[in-house]
Amino acid sequence: MKCQCCGKTPMFGHNVSHSKRHTAKISRPNIHPVSVNVGSRKVRTTMCTRCLRTYNKIVQEG
């Protein structure tokens, strides 16, 4: 699970309860499989939603 554009990967940490008990927590990036135009051909890749929004803005401008 990695964004091929920015390299975003899951982050690890702990949930801490009121009694200060630590349990494992994983925050996964919101990654989707997409087809992106690179030059004159389509390439299948995975992108996070932030990169996908930026890509759509760039495509609409140019």
PDB file of N, CA and C in Angstrom:
ATOM      1  N   MET A   1       0.842  -1.182   0.000  1.00  0.00           N
ATOM      2  CA  MET A   1       0.000   0.000   0.000  1.00  0.00           C
ATOM      3  C   MET A   1       0.883   1.239   0.000  1.00  0.00           C
ATOM      4  N   LYS A   2       1.145   1.739  -1.184  1.00  0.00           N
ATOM      5  CA  LYS A   2       2.011   2.894  -1.305  1.00  0.00           C
ATOM      6  C   LYS A   2       1.553   3.729  -2.484  1.00  0.00           C
ATOM      7  N   CYS A   3       1.541   5.046  -2.314  1.00  0.00           N
ATOM      8  CA  CYS A   3       1.221   5.948  -3.411  1.00  0.00           C
ATOM      9  C   CYS A   3       2.442   6.015  -4.327  1.00  0.00           C
ATOM     10  N   GLN A   4       2.240   5.708  -5.613  1.00  0.00           N
ATOM     11  CA  GLN A   4       3.346   5.713  -6.561  1.00  0.00           C
ATOM     12  C   GLN A   4       3.793   7.136  -6.902  1.00  0.00           C
ATOM     13  N   CYS A   5       2.974   8.127  -6.576  1.00  0.00           N
ATOM     14  CA  CYS A   5       3.287   9.511  -6.904  1.00  0.00           C
ATOM     15  C   CYS A   5       4.127  10.175  -5.803  1.00  0.00           C
ATOM     16  N   CYS A   6       3.628  10.153  -4.572  1.00  0.00           N
ATOM     17  CA  CYS A   6       4.306  10.861  -3.478  1.00  0.00           C
ATOM     18  C   CYS A   6       5.007   9.926  -2.501  1.00  0.00           C
ATOM     19  N   GLY A   7       4.735   8.614  -2.574  1.00  0.00           N
ATOM     20  CA  GLY A   7       5.399   7.662  -1.691  1.00  0.00           C
ATOM     21  C   GLY A   7       4.762   7.536  -0.316  1.00  0.00           C
ATOM     22  N   LYS A   8       3.526   7.986  -0.183  1.00  0.00           N
ATOM     23  CA  LYS A   8       2.832   7.917   1.108  1.00  0.00           C
ATOM     24  C   LYS A   8       2.579   6.462   1.485  1.00  0.00           C
ATOM     25  N   THR A   9       2.918   6.084   2.726  1.00  0.00           N
ATOM     26  CA  THR A   9       2.754   4.723   3.232  1.00  0.00           C
ATOM     27  C   THR A   9       1.991   4.759   4.555  1.00  0.00           C
ATOM     28  N   PRO A  10       1.577   3.588   5.088  1.00  0.00           N
ATOM     29  CA  PRO A  10       0.865   3.587   6.367  1.00  0.00           C
ATOM     30  C   PRO A  10       1.717   4.144   7.506  1.00  0.00           C
ATOM     31  N   MET A  11       1.029   4.786   8.460  1.00  0.00           N
ATOM     32  CA  MET A  11       1.682   5.322   9.650  1.00  0.00           C
ATOM     33  C   MET A  11       1.269   4.489  10.852  1.00  0.00           C
ATOM     34  N   PHE A  12       2.171   4.286  11.801  1.00  0.00           N
ATOM     35  CA  PHE A  12       1.912   3.459  12.966  1.00  0.00           C
ATOM     36  C   PHE A  12       1.942   4.310  14.230  1.00  0.00           C
ATOM     37  N   GLY A  13       1.127   3.910  15.194  1.00  0.00           N
ATOM     38  CA  GLY A  13       1.084   4.622  16.456  1.00  0.00           C
ATOM     39  C   GLY A  13       0.327   3.804  17.482  1.00  0.00           C
ATOM     40  N   HIS A  14      -0.169   4.465  18.521  1.00  0.00           N
ATOM     41  CA  HIS A  14      -0.896   3.796  19.589  1.00  0.00           C
ATOM     42  C   HIS A  14      -2.194   4.521  19.901  1.00  0.00           C
ATOM     43  N   ASN A  15      -3.241   3.745  20.194  1.00  0.00           N
ATOM     44  CA  ASN A  15      -4.425   4.285  20.839  1.00  0.00           C
ATOM     45  C   ASN A  15      -4.131   4.255  22.331  1.00  0.00           C
ATOM     46  N   VAL A  16      -4.405   5.343  23.032  1.00  0.00           N
ATOM     47  CA  VAL A  16      -4.153   5.400  24.464  1.00  0.00           C
ATOM     48  C   VAL A  16      -5.482   5.620  25.167  1.00  0.00           C
ATOM     49  N   SER A  17      -5.859   4.657  26.001  1.00  0.00           N
ATOM     50  CA  SER A  17      -7.128   4.748  26.711  1.00  0.00           C
ATOM     51  C   SER A  17      -6.983   5.635  27.948  1.00  0.00           C
ATOM     52  N   HIS A  18      -8.105   5.818  28.645  1.00  0.00           N
ATOM     53  CA  HIS A  18      -8.101   6.640  29.862  1.00  0.00           C
ATOM     54  C   HIS A  18      -7.175   6.039  30.925  1.00  0.00           C
ATOM     55  N   SER A  19      -7.062   4.702  30.930  1.00  0.00           N
ATOM     56  CA  SER A  19      -6.188   4.028  31.900  1.00  0.00           C
ATOM     57  C   SER A  19      -4.744   3.947  31.408  1.00  0.00           C
ATOM     58  N   LYS A  20      -4.443   4.653  30.333  1.00  0.00           N
ATOM     59  CA  LYS A  20      -3.102   4.731  29.731  1.00  0.00           C
ATOM     60  C   LYS A  20      -2.628   3.413  29.121  1.00  0.00           C
ATOM     61  N   ARG A  21      -3.567   2.555  28.756  1.00  0.00           N
ATOM     62  CA  ARG A  21      -3.210   1.297  28.095  1.00  0.00           C
ATOM     63  C   ARG A  21      -2.987   1.587  26.606  1.00  0.00           C
ATOM     64  N   HIS A  22      -1.861   1.117  26.055  1.00  0.00           N
ATOM     65  CA  HIS A  22      -1.510   1.361  24.661  1.00  0.00           C
ATOM     66  C   HIS A  22      -1.865   0.158  23.806  1.00  0.00           C
ATOM     67  N   THR A  23      -2.616   0.386  22.734  1.00  0.00           N
ATOM     68  CA  THR A  23      -2.912  -0.653  21.754  1.00  0.00           C
ATOM     69  C   THR A  23      -2.477  -0.150  20.380  1.00  0.00           C
ATOM     70  N   ALA A  24      -2.083  -1.068  19.528  1.00  0.00           N
ATOM     71  CA  ALA A  24      -1.538  -0.708  18.219  1.00  0.00           C
ATOM     72  C   ALA A  24      -2.611  -0.077  17.328  1.00  0.00           C
ATOM     73  N   LYS A  25      -2.191   0.907  16.538  1.00  0.00           N
ATOM     74  CA  LYS A  25      -3.081   1.596  15.608  1.00  0.00           C
ATOM     75  C   LYS A  25      -2.335   1.800  14.295  1.00  0.00           C
ATOM     76  N   ILE A  26      -3.020   1.582  13.175  1.00  0.00           N
ATOM     77  CA  ILE A  26      -2.437   1.820  11.854  1.00  0.00           C
ATOM     78  C   ILE A  26      -3.319   2.808  11.110  1.00  0.00           C
ATOM     79  N   SER A  27      -2.726   3.875  10.592  1.00  0.00           N
ATOM     80  CA  SER A  27      -3.442   4.845   9.757  1.00  0.00           C
ATOM     81  C   SER A  27      -3.007   4.612   8.319  1.00  0.00           C
ATOM     82  N   ARG A  28      -3.925   4.090   7.519  1.00  0.00           N
ATOM     83  CA  ARG A  28      -3.587   3.779   6.134  1.00  0.00           C
ATOM     84  C   ARG A  28      -3.969   4.932   5.209  1.00  0.00           C
ATOM     85  N   PRO A  29      -3.149   5.221   4.197  1.00  0.00           N
ATOM     86  CA  PRO A  29      -3.502   6.263   3.239  1.00  0.00           C
ATOM     87  C   PRO A  29      -4.648   5.804   2.337  1.00  0.00           C
ATOM     88  N   ASN A  30      -5.424   6.754   1.839  1.00  0.00           N
ATOM     89  CA  ASN A  30      -6.573   6.463   0.986  1.00  0.00           C
ATOM     90  C   ASN A  30      -6.075   6.297  -0.452  1.00  0.00           C
ATOM     91  N   ILE A  31      -5.739   5.064  -0.823  1.00  0.00           N
ATOM     92  CA  ILE A  31      -5.091   4.780  -2.104  1.00  0.00           C
ATOM     93  C   ILE A  31      -6.060   4.081  -3.054  1.00  0.00           C
ATOM     94  N   HIS A  32      -6.055   4.500  -4.329  1.00  0.00           N
ATOM     95  CA  HIS A  32      -6.934   3.944  -5.355  1.00  0.00           C
ATOM     96  C   HIS A  32      -6.132   3.583  -6.598  1.00  0.00           C
ATOM     97  N   PRO A  33      -6.519   2.492  -7.283  1.00  0.00           N
ATOM     98  CA  PRO A  33      -5.894   2.182  -8.567  1.00  0.00           C
ATOM     99  C   PRO A  33      -6.474   3.095  -9.654  1.00  0.00           C
ATOM    100  N   VAL A  34      -5.609   3.721 -10.444  1.00  0.00           N
ATOM    101  CA  VAL A  34      -6.049   4.634 -11.501  1.00  0.00           C
ATOM    102  C   VAL A  34      -5.221   4.425 -12.761  1.00  0.00           C
ATOM    103  N   SER A  35      -5.763   4.889 -13.885  1.00  0.00           N
ATOM    104  CA  SER A  35      -5.030   4.910 -15.148  1.00  0.00           C
ATOM    105  C   SER A  35      -4.610   6.341 -15.422  1.00  0.00           C
ATOM    106  N   VAL A  36      -3.317   6.553 -15.617  1.00  0.00           N
ATOM    107  CA  VAL A  36      -2.759   7.890 -15.808  1.00  0.00           C
ATOM    108  C   VAL A  36      -2.109   7.955 -17.181  1.00  0.00           C
ATOM    109  N   ASN A  37      -2.328   9.072 -17.891  1.00  0.00           N
ATOM    110  CA  ASN A  37      -1.679   9.266 -19.186  1.00  0.00           C
ATOM    111  C   ASN A  37      -0.251   9.745 -18.983  1.00  0.00           C
ATOM    112  N   VAL A  38       0.699   8.959 -19.468  1.00  0.00           N
ATOM    113  CA  VAL A  38       2.107   9.334 -19.424  1.00  0.00           C
ATOM    114  C   VAL A  38       2.574   9.408 -20.869  1.00  0.00           C
ATOM    115  N   GLY A  39       2.795  10.623 -21.335  1.00  0.00           N
ATOM    116  CA  GLY A  39       3.128  10.801 -22.740  1.00  0.00           C
ATOM    117  C   GLY A  39       1.919  10.486 -23.594  1.00  0.00           C
ATOM    118  N   SER A  40       2.037   9.466 -24.439  1.00  0.00           N
ATOM    119  CA  SER A  40       0.926   9.097 -25.317  1.00  0.00           C
ATOM    120  C   SER A  40       0.297   7.763 -24.925  1.00  0.00           C
ATOM    121  N   ARG A  41       0.680   7.196 -23.772  1.00  0.00           N
ATOM    122  CA  ARG A  41       0.110   5.909 -23.377  1.00  0.00           C
ATOM    123  C   ARG A  41      -0.430   5.950 -21.957  1.00  0.00           C
ATOM    124  N   LYS A  42      -1.339   5.030 -21.655  1.00  0.00           N
ATOM    125  CA  LYS A  42      -1.935   4.941 -20.327  1.00  0.00           C
ATOM    126  C   LYS A  42      -1.129   3.977 -19.467  1.00  0.00           C
ATOM    127  N   VAL A  43      -0.913   4.372 -18.220  1.00  0.00           N
ATOM    128  CA  VAL A  43      -0.178   3.542 -17.276  1.00  0.00           C
ATOM    129  C   VAL A  43      -1.072   3.306 -16.065  1.00  0.00           C
ATOM    130  N   ARG A  44      -1.188   2.053 -15.626  1.00  0.00           N
ATOM    131  CA  ARG A  44      -1.983   1.692 -14.458  1.00  0.00           C
ATOM    132  C   ARG A  44      -1.117   1.875 -13.218  1.00  0.00           C
ATOM    133  N   THR A  45      -1.583   2.661 -12.247  1.00  0.00           N
ATOM    134  CA  THR A  45      -0.801   2.945 -11.052  1.00  0.00           C
ATOM    135  C   THR A  45      -1.729   3.122  -9.855  1.00  0.00           C
ATOM    136  N   THR A  46      -1.144   3.281  -8.680  1.00  0.00           N
ATOM    137  CA  THR A  46      -1.925   3.556  -7.477  1.00  0.00           C
ATOM    138  C   THR A  46      -1.577   4.956  -6.984  1.00  0.00           C
ATOM    139  N   MET A  47      -2.616   5.727  -6.633  1.00  0.00           N
ATOM    140  CA  MET A  47      -2.411   7.103  -6.165  1.00  0.00           C
ATOM    141  C   MET A  47      -3.286   7.372  -4.960  1.00  0.00           C
ATOM    142  N   CYS A  48      -2.788   8.199  -4.043  1.00  0.00           N
ATOM    143  CA  CYS A  48      -3.616   8.641  -2.930  1.00  0.00           C
ATOM    144  C   CYS A  48      -4.570   9.730  -3.441  1.00  0.00           C
ATOM    145  N   THR A  49      -5.611  10.002  -2.693  1.00  0.00           N
ATOM    146  CA  THR A  49      -6.626  10.939  -3.158  1.00  0.00           C
ATOM    147  C   THR A  49      -6.077  12.351  -3.287  1.00  0.00           C
ATOM    148  N   ARG A  50      -5.131  12.740  -2.480  1.00  0.00           N
ATOM    149  CA  ARG A  50      -4.530  14.071  -2.574  1.00  0.00           C
ATOM    150  C   ARG A  50      -3.798  14.222  -3.905  1.00  0.00           C
ATOM    151  N   CYS A  51      -3.009  13.224  -4.291  1.00  0.00           N
ATOM    152  CA  CYS A  51      -2.295  13.271  -5.569  1.00  0.00           C
ATOM    153  C   CYS A  51      -3.267  13.197  -6.737  1.00  0.00           C
ATOM    154  N   LEU A  52      -4.349  12.442  -6.575  1.00  0.00           N
ATOM    155  CA  LEU A  52      -5.353  12.324  -7.623  1.00  0.00           C
ATOM    156  C   LEU A  52      -6.043  13.661  -7.869  1.00  0.00           C
ATOM    157  N   ARG A  53      -6.350  14.400  -6.813  1.00  0.00           N
ATOM    158  CA  ARG A  53      -6.956  15.727  -6.952  1.00  0.00           C
ATOM    159  C   ARG A  53      -6.001  16.684  -7.657  1.00  0.00           C
ATOM    160  N   THR A  54      -4.724  16.634  -7.282  1.00  0.00           N
ATOM    161  CA  THR A  54      -3.726  17.496  -7.916  1.00  0.00           C
ATOM    162  C   THR A  54      -3.565  17.133  -9.390  1.00  0.00           C
ATOM    163  N   TYR A  55      -3.529  15.831  -9.682  1.00  0.00           N
ATOM    164  CA  TYR A  55      -3.404  15.372 -11.076  1.00  0.00           C
ATOM    165  C   TYR A  55      -4.589  15.858 -11.907  1.00  0.00           C
ATOM    166  N   ASN A  56      -5.807  15.775 -11.378  1.00  0.00           N
ATOM    167  CA  ASN A  56      -7.001  16.215 -12.094  1.00  0.00           C
ATOM    168  C   ASN A  56      -6.969  17.720 -12.362  1.00  0.00           C
ATOM    169  N   LYS A  57      -6.443  18.502 -11.421  1.00  0.00           N
ATOM    170  CA  LYS A  57      -6.303  19.945 -11.637  1.00  0.00           C
ATOM    171  C   LYS A  57      -5.327  20.230 -12.767  1.00  0.00           C
ATOM    172  N   ILE A  58      -4.204  19.512 -12.795  1.00  0.00           N
ATOM    173  CA  ILE A  58      -3.186  19.717 -13.833  1.00  0.00           C
ATOM    174  C   ILE A  58      -3.741  19.334 -15.201  1.00  0.00           C
ATOM    175  N   VAL A  59      -4.487  18.224 -15.273  1.00  0.00           N
ATOM    176  CA  VAL A  59      -5.040  17.753 -16.538  1.00  0.00           C
ATOM    177  C   VAL A  59      -6.079  18.740 -17.068  1.00  0.00           C
ATOM    178  N   GLN A  60      -6.919  19.299 -16.190  1.00  0.00           N
ATOM    179  CA  GLN A  60      -7.955  20.245 -16.608  1.00  0.00           C
ATOM    180  C   GLN A  60      -7.347  21.544 -17.130  1.00  0.00           C
ATOM    181  N   GLU A  61      -6.232  21.980 -16.549  1.00  0.00           N
ATOM    182  CA  GLU A  61      -5.594  23.231 -16.996  1.00  0.00           C
ATOM    183  C   GLU A  61      -4.984  23.076 -18.381  1.00  0.00           C
ATOM    184  N   GLY A  62      -4.284  21.965 -18.593  1.00  0.00           N
ATOM    185  CA  GLY A  62      -3.528  21.808 -19.836  1.00  0.00           C
ATOM    186  C   GLY A  62      -4.208  20.965 -20.786  1.00  0.00           C
TER     187      GLY A  62
END
